[in-house]
Amino acid sequence: MGWLATNSIRFPDSIPGHVGKELFFGWRFIAALDGVIYFANCISEGITKDDVLAFKKNGLISRKKEFDSDCPYYTSIEQ
């Protein structure tokens, strides 16, 4: 959760093929059958956009990083 919130990752609205590319040690975006987008590794419980927003709102994140703009996920999560 900390990595996801710190790196200002934007959750996609949809995922072609339902499974995105690996972003962090096996973690990637996946689209569940019910339409919910998760950041997950299929071992631990998946993380939703609302989970990250609540994590950030509660002040559990204190720094931001700049990343390569070539990756479509490295943008503001608060969109």
N, C-alpha and C. Protein backbone atom coordinates (compact mmCIF):
# COMPACT_ATOMS: atom_id res chain seq x y z
N MET A 1 0.83 -1.19 0.00
CA MET A 1 0.00 0.00 0.00
C MET A 1 0.87 1.25 0.00
N GLY A 2 1.91 1.23 0.81
CA GLY A 2 2.79 2.39 0.89
C GLY A 2 3.44 2.71 -0.44
N TRP A 3 3.93 1.69 -1.14
CA TRP A 3 4.56 1.91 -2.45
C TRP A 3 3.56 2.50 -3.42
N LEU A 4 2.37 1.97 -3.44
CA LEU A 4 1.35 2.43 -4.36
C LEU A 4 0.98 3.88 -4.10
N ALA A 5 0.77 4.24 -2.84
CA ALA A 5 0.41 5.61 -2.49
C ALA A 5 1.58 6.58 -2.69
N THR A 6 2.77 6.16 -2.35
CA THR A 6 3.95 7.01 -2.48
C THR A 6 4.26 7.35 -3.93
N ASN A 7 4.02 6.42 -4.81
CA ASN A 7 4.39 6.60 -6.20
C ASN A 7 3.29 7.22 -7.06
N SER A 8 2.23 7.68 -6.45
CA SER A 8 1.16 8.38 -7.16
C SER A 8 0.68 7.63 -8.39
N ILE A 9 0.39 6.36 -8.21
CA ILE A 9 -0.08 5.53 -9.31
C ILE A 9 -1.57 5.81 -9.56
N ARG A 10 -1.94 5.98 -10.82
CA ARG A 10 -3.34 6.20 -11.20
C ARG A 10 -3.97 4.86 -11.57
N PHE A 11 -5.08 4.55 -10.96
CA PHE A 11 -5.79 3.33 -11.30
C PHE A 11 -6.41 3.48 -12.69
N PRO A 12 -6.25 2.49 -13.55
CA PRO A 12 -6.87 2.56 -14.88
C PRO A 12 -8.38 2.32 -14.78
N ASP A 13 -9.10 2.81 -15.78
CA ASP A 13 -10.55 2.59 -15.83
C ASP A 13 -10.89 1.20 -16.33
N SER A 14 -10.03 0.65 -17.17
CA SER A 14 -10.23 -0.70 -17.67
C SER A 14 -8.86 -1.30 -17.98
N ILE A 15 -8.84 -2.62 -18.13
CA ILE A 15 -7.59 -3.32 -18.41
C ILE A 15 -7.83 -4.29 -19.56
N PRO A 16 -7.21 -4.04 -20.72
CA PRO A 16 -7.36 -4.98 -21.83
C PRO A 16 -6.84 -6.36 -21.42
N GLY A 17 -7.65 -7.39 -21.60
CA GLY A 17 -7.25 -8.74 -21.22
C GLY A 17 -7.38 -9.02 -19.74
N HIS A 18 -7.84 -8.06 -18.96
CA HIS A 18 -8.10 -8.18 -17.52
C HIS A 18 -6.86 -8.26 -16.63
N VAL A 19 -5.65 -8.35 -17.21
CA VAL A 19 -4.43 -8.43 -16.42
C VAL A 19 -3.40 -7.47 -17.01
N GLY A 20 -2.94 -6.51 -16.19
CA GLY A 20 -1.95 -5.53 -16.65
C GLY A 20 -0.53 -6.06 -16.49
N LYS A 21 0.43 -5.22 -16.91
CA LYS A 21 1.84 -5.62 -16.78
C LYS A 21 2.31 -5.46 -15.34
N GLU A 22 3.33 -6.22 -14.98
CA GLU A 22 3.88 -6.16 -13.63
C GLU A 22 4.49 -4.78 -13.38
N LEU A 23 4.16 -4.20 -12.22
CA LEU A 23 4.67 -2.89 -11.85
C LEU A 23 5.58 -2.92 -10.63
N PHE A 24 5.35 -3.86 -9.72
CA PHE A 24 6.10 -3.89 -8.47
C PHE A 24 6.13 -5.30 -7.90
N PHE A 25 7.25 -6.00 -8.05
CA PHE A 25 7.46 -7.32 -7.45
C PHE A 25 6.25 -8.25 -7.60
N GLY A 26 5.75 -8.41 -8.80
CA GLY A 26 4.61 -9.29 -9.06
C GLY A 26 3.25 -8.62 -8.94
N TRP A 27 3.22 -7.39 -8.47
CA TRP A 27 1.96 -6.67 -8.33
C TRP A 27 1.62 -5.99 -9.64
N ARG A 28 0.37 -6.03 -10.01
CA ARG A 28 -0.12 -5.47 -11.26
C ARG A 28 -1.59 -5.11 -11.11
N PHE A 29 -2.13 -4.36 -12.04
CA PHE A 29 -3.56 -4.07 -12.04
C PHE A 29 -4.29 -5.23 -12.69
N ILE A 30 -5.41 -5.62 -12.09
CA ILE A 30 -6.26 -6.66 -12.65
C ILE A 30 -7.70 -6.18 -12.60
N ALA A 31 -8.50 -6.64 -13.54
CA ALA A 31 -9.93 -6.34 -13.55
C ALA A 31 -10.66 -7.61 -13.12
N ALA A 32 -11.34 -7.52 -11.99
CA ALA A 32 -12.09 -8.67 -11.49
C ALA A 32 -13.36 -8.87 -12.32
N LEU A 33 -13.95 -10.01 -12.19
CA LEU A 33 -15.16 -10.32 -12.97
C LEU A 33 -16.31 -9.39 -12.65
N ASP A 34 -16.32 -8.80 -11.44
CA ASP A 34 -17.39 -7.87 -11.07
C ASP A 34 -17.10 -6.44 -11.54
N GLY A 35 -15.99 -6.25 -12.28
CA GLY A 35 -15.66 -4.94 -12.84
C GLY A 35 -14.77 -4.07 -11.97
N VAL A 36 -14.45 -4.51 -10.76
CA VAL A 36 -13.59 -3.74 -9.86
C VAL A 36 -12.13 -3.90 -10.30
N ILE A 37 -11.38 -2.79 -10.30
CA ILE A 37 -9.97 -2.82 -10.63
C ILE A 37 -9.18 -2.94 -9.32
N TYR A 38 -8.29 -3.92 -9.27
CA TYR A 38 -7.45 -4.14 -8.09
C TYR A 38 -5.98 -4.01 -8.48
N PHE A 39 -5.17 -3.57 -7.53
CA PHE A 39 -3.73 -3.70 -7.64
C PHE A 39 -3.42 -4.93 -6.81
N ALA A 40 -2.95 -5.99 -7.46
CA ALA A 40 -2.87 -7.27 -6.76
C ALA A 40 -1.72 -8.12 -7.28
N ASN A 41 -1.36 -9.12 -6.48
CA ASN A 41 -0.35 -10.09 -6.90
C ASN A 41 -0.92 -11.51 -6.88
N CYS A 42 -2.20 -11.65 -6.64
CA CYS A 42 -2.92 -12.93 -6.60
C CYS A 42 -2.48 -13.82 -5.44
N ILE A 43 -1.78 -13.24 -4.48
CA ILE A 43 -1.42 -13.94 -3.24
C ILE A 43 -2.01 -13.19 -2.05
N SER A 44 -1.70 -11.90 -1.97
CA SER A 44 -2.24 -11.05 -0.90
C SER A 44 -3.56 -10.44 -1.35
N GLU A 45 -4.29 -9.89 -0.40
CA GLU A 45 -5.56 -9.24 -0.72
C GLU A 45 -5.31 -8.06 -1.66
N GLY A 46 -6.13 -7.92 -2.70
CA GLY A 46 -5.99 -6.84 -3.66
C GLY A 46 -6.31 -5.48 -3.05
N ILE A 47 -5.77 -4.43 -3.66
CA ILE A 47 -5.96 -3.07 -3.18
C ILE A 47 -6.79 -2.31 -4.21
N THR A 48 -7.84 -1.63 -3.76
CA THR A 48 -8.67 -0.84 -4.65
C THR A 48 -8.26 0.63 -4.61
N LYS A 49 -8.78 1.41 -5.54
CA LYS A 49 -8.53 2.84 -5.57
C LYS A 49 -9.01 3.49 -4.27
N ASP A 50 -10.17 3.07 -3.77
CA ASP A 50 -10.70 3.62 -2.52
C ASP A 50 -9.78 3.32 -1.33
N ASP A 51 -9.17 2.13 -1.33
CA ASP A 51 -8.21 1.78 -0.27
C ASP A 51 -7.04 2.76 -0.25
N VAL A 52 -6.50 3.06 -1.42
CA VAL A 52 -5.35 3.96 -1.51
C VAL A 52 -5.74 5.38 -1.11
N LEU A 53 -6.91 5.84 -1.57
CA LEU A 53 -7.35 7.18 -1.22
C LEU A 53 -7.54 7.32 0.29
N ALA A 54 -8.10 6.29 0.95
CA ALA A 54 -8.28 6.31 2.40
C ALA A 54 -6.92 6.31 3.10
N PHE A 55 -5.99 5.55 2.60
CA PHE A 55 -4.63 5.49 3.14
C PHE A 55 -3.97 6.87 3.07
N LYS A 56 -4.11 7.53 1.93
CA LYS A 56 -3.52 8.86 1.76
C LYS A 56 -4.24 9.90 2.62
N LYS A 57 -5.56 9.79 2.71
CA LYS A 57 -6.36 10.75 3.49
C LYS A 57 -6.00 10.69 4.97
N ASN A 58 -5.70 9.53 5.46
CA ASN A 58 -5.37 9.36 6.87
C ASN A 58 -3.94 9.79 7.20
N GLY A 59 -3.26 10.40 6.23
CA GLY A 59 -1.93 10.93 6.48
C GLY A 59 -0.85 9.90 6.63
N LEU A 60 -1.06 8.73 6.08
CA LEU A 60 -0.07 7.66 6.23
C LEU A 60 1.01 7.74 5.15
N ILE A 61 0.94 8.77 4.34
CA ILE A 61 1.95 8.96 3.30
C ILE A 61 2.52 10.36 3.43
N SER A 62 3.83 10.49 3.39
CA SER A 62 4.44 11.79 3.64
C SER A 62 5.34 12.30 2.53
N ARG A 63 5.60 11.49 1.51
CA ARG A 63 6.47 11.98 0.44
C ARG A 63 5.97 11.49 -0.91
N LYS A 64 6.38 12.18 -1.97
CA LYS A 64 6.02 11.80 -3.33
C LYS A 64 7.29 11.67 -4.15
N LYS A 65 7.23 10.87 -5.19
CA LYS A 65 8.37 10.68 -6.08
C LYS A 65 7.96 11.09 -7.49
N GLU A 66 8.94 11.42 -8.27
CA GLU A 66 8.73 11.67 -9.69
C GLU A 66 9.13 10.41 -10.45
N PHE A 67 8.38 10.07 -11.49
CA PHE A 67 8.67 8.86 -12.25
C PHE A 67 8.65 9.12 -13.73
N ASP A 68 9.09 8.13 -14.45
CA ASP A 68 9.14 8.16 -15.90
C ASP A 68 7.73 8.34 -16.45
N SER A 69 7.52 9.38 -17.22
CA SER A 69 6.18 9.68 -17.73
C SER A 69 5.75 8.72 -18.84
N ASP A 70 6.62 7.81 -19.28
CA ASP A 70 6.24 6.85 -20.32
C ASP A 70 5.24 5.82 -19.82
N CYS A 71 5.19 5.60 -18.52
CA CYS A 71 4.25 4.63 -17.96
C CYS A 71 2.91 5.33 -17.72
N PRO A 72 1.82 4.82 -18.29
CA PRO A 72 0.52 5.50 -18.16
C PRO A 72 -0.04 5.51 -16.74
N TYR A 73 0.51 4.69 -15.85
CA TYR A 73 -0.01 4.62 -14.49
C TYR A 73 0.65 5.63 -13.54
N TYR A 74 1.75 6.24 -13.95
CA TYR A 74 2.47 7.16 -13.07
C TYR A 74 1.92 8.56 -13.18
N THR A 75 0.73 8.76 -12.64
CA THR A 75 0.09 10.07 -12.61
C THR A 75 -0.68 10.19 -11.31
N SER A 76 -1.41 11.25 -11.14
CA SER A 76 -2.14 11.48 -9.89
C SER A 76 -3.25 10.46 -9.72
N ILE A 77 -3.33 9.87 -8.54
CA ILE A 77 -4.38 8.90 -8.24
C ILE A 77 -5.71 9.59 -7.91
N GLU A 78 -5.67 10.88 -7.67
CA GLU A 78 -6.87 11.59 -7.25
C GLU A 78 -7.70 12.08 -8.43
N GLN A 79 -7.54 11.49 -9.59
CA GLN A 79 -8.31 11.89 -10.76
C GLN A 79 -9.69 11.28 -10.74
